[in-house]
Amino acid sequence: MKNELYTMNQYGKITIDIKTFMDEKSINRNMLARAINARFEVIDKWYGGHVEKIDADVLARTPGDIIRYTEAD
């Protein structure tokens, strides 16, 4: 197997669009945090578009509507 280095433009991008989802469902950050058993601070950062890292356990409990995959050009 050949070792290769992939650059950002060679694969797609994952975007977490939690604000749009929450606005459509008329729920606030506190309600979502309680519903998925996550800390408010995590949901607040995601809501503001400041996703530093993704906890797979929290991500697994969130609605699939918030995750968007964009293929590379």
C-alpha atoms as a PDB file:
ATOM      1  CA  MET A   1       0.000   0.000   0.000  1.00  0.00           C
ATOM      2  CA  LYS A   2       1.367   3.353  -1.004  1.00  0.00           C
ATOM      3  CA  ASN A   3       1.526   6.161   1.589  1.00  0.00           C
ATOM      4  CA  GLU A   4      -0.174   9.291   0.328  1.00  0.00           C
ATOM      5  CA  LEU A   5      -0.785  12.698   1.793  1.00  0.00           C
ATOM      6  CA  TYR A   6      -4.211  14.162   1.135  1.00  0.00           C
ATOM      7  CA  THR A   7      -4.795  17.882   1.052  1.00  0.00           C
ATOM      8  CA  MET A   8      -8.046  19.607   2.007  1.00  0.00           C
ATOM      9  CA  ASN A   9      -9.111  20.090  -1.601  1.00  0.00           C
ATOM     10  CA  GLN A  10      -8.791  16.368  -2.388  1.00  0.00           C
ATOM     11  CA  TYR A  11     -11.633  15.313  -0.160  1.00  0.00           C
ATOM     12  CA  GLY A  12     -14.894  16.845   0.923  1.00  0.00           C
ATOM     13  CA  LYS A  13     -15.853  18.986   3.851  1.00  0.00           C
ATOM     14  CA  ILE A  14     -18.191  18.274   6.755  1.00  0.00           C
ATOM     15  CA  THR A  15     -20.249  21.213   7.969  1.00  0.00           C
ATOM     16  CA  ILE A  16     -22.348  21.261  11.130  1.00  0.00           C
ATOM     17  CA  ASP A  17     -25.318  23.544  10.510  1.00  0.00           C
ATOM     18  CA  ILE A  18     -27.012  23.408  13.880  1.00  0.00           C
ATOM     19  CA  LYS A  19     -28.366  26.972  13.830  1.00  0.00           C
ATOM     20  CA  THR A  20     -30.567  26.402  10.765  1.00  0.00           C
ATOM     21  CA  PHE A  21     -31.888  23.121  12.191  1.00  0.00           C
ATOM     22  CA  MET A  22     -32.729  24.692  15.545  1.00  0.00           C
ATOM     23  CA  ASP A  23     -34.384  27.733  13.976  1.00  0.00           C
ATOM     24  CA  GLU A  24     -36.560  25.503  11.772  1.00  0.00           C
ATOM     25  CA  LYS A  25     -37.608  23.354  14.754  1.00  0.00           C
ATOM     26  CA  SER A  26     -38.057  26.362  17.082  1.00  0.00           C
ATOM     27  CA  ILE A  27     -35.819  24.958  19.787  1.00  0.00           C
ATOM     28  CA  ASN A  28     -33.168  26.785  21.747  1.00  0.00           C
ATOM     29  CA  ARG A  29     -29.650  25.747  22.706  1.00  0.00           C
ATOM     30  CA  ASN A  30     -30.619  24.778  26.219  1.00  0.00           C
ATOM     31  CA  MET A  31     -33.415  22.495  24.985  1.00  0.00           C
ATOM     32  CA  LEU A  32     -31.090  20.736  22.541  1.00  0.00           C
ATOM     33  CA  ALA A  33     -28.340  20.340  25.119  1.00  0.00           C
ATOM     34  CA  ARG A  34     -30.768  18.643  27.501  1.00  0.00           C
ATOM     35  CA  ALA A  35     -32.314  16.505  24.741  1.00  0.00           C
ATOM     36  CA  ILE A  36     -28.983  15.012  23.643  1.00  0.00           C
ATOM     37  CA  ASN A  37     -27.359  15.059  27.089  1.00  0.00           C
ATOM     38  CA  ALA A  38     -24.586  17.459  26.079  1.00  0.00           C
ATOM     39  CA  ARG A  39     -23.092  20.478  27.800  1.00  0.00           C
ATOM     40  CA  PHE A  40     -24.659  23.826  26.924  1.00  0.00           C
ATOM     41  CA  GLU A  41     -21.205  25.238  26.125  1.00  0.00           C
ATOM     42  CA  VAL A  42     -20.718  22.641  23.380  1.00  0.00           C
ATOM     43  CA  ILE A  43     -24.078  23.396  21.775  1.00  0.00           C
ATOM     44  CA  ASP A  44     -23.476  27.133  22.146  1.00  0.00           C
ATOM     45  CA  LYS A  45     -20.175  26.882  20.251  1.00  0.00           C
ATOM     46  CA  TRP A  46     -21.735  24.741  17.525  1.00  0.00           C
ATOM     47  CA  TYR A  47     -24.637  27.210  17.260  1.00  0.00           C
ATOM     48  CA  GLY A  48     -22.184  30.052  16.752  1.00  0.00           C
ATOM     49  CA  GLY A  49     -20.301  28.091  14.095  1.00  0.00           C
ATOM     50  CA  HIS A  50     -17.217  27.592  16.260  1.00  0.00           C
ATOM     51  CA  VAL A  51     -16.667  23.854  15.993  1.00  0.00           C
ATOM     52  CA  GLU A  52     -13.180  23.135  17.305  1.00  0.00           C
ATOM     53  CA  LYS A  53     -13.530  19.396  17.681  1.00  0.00           C
ATOM     54  CA  ILE A  54     -16.300  16.876  17.427  1.00  0.00           C
ATOM     55  CA  ASP A  55     -17.008  14.430  20.210  1.00  0.00           C
ATOM     56  CA  ALA A  56     -18.216  11.344  18.344  1.00  0.00           C
ATOM     57  CA  ASP A  57     -20.464  10.363  21.252  1.00  0.00           C
ATOM     58  CA  VAL A  58     -22.259  13.739  21.233  1.00  0.00           C
ATOM     59  CA  LEU A  59     -22.390  13.768  17.448  1.00  0.00           C
ATOM     60  CA  ALA A  60     -24.056  10.343  17.447  1.00  0.00           C
ATOM     61  CA  ARG A  61     -26.871  11.726  19.612  1.00  0.00           C
ATOM     62  CA  THR A  62     -27.562  14.764  17.390  1.00  0.00           C
ATOM     63  CA  PRO A  63     -30.090  14.822  14.562  1.00  0.00           C
ATOM     64  CA  GLY A  64     -28.636  13.834  11.213  1.00  0.00           C
ATOM     65  CA  ASP A  65     -30.128  16.958   9.615  1.00  0.00           C
ATOM     66  CA  ILE A  66     -27.337  19.129  11.022  1.00  0.00           C
ATOM     67  CA  ILE A  67     -24.483  17.399   9.231  1.00  0.00           C
ATOM     68  CA  ARG A  68     -23.728  18.291   5.639  1.00  0.00           C
ATOM     69  CA  TYR A  69     -21.045  16.745   3.471  1.00  0.00           C
ATOM     70  CA  THR A  70     -19.758  18.718   0.510  1.00  0.00           C
ATOM     71  CA  GLU A  71     -17.716  16.848  -2.065  1.00  0.00           C
ATOM     72  CA  ALA A  72     -14.454  18.252  -3.315  1.00  0.00           C
ATOM     73  CA  ASP A  73     -14.536  20.069  -6.640  1.00  0.00           C
END
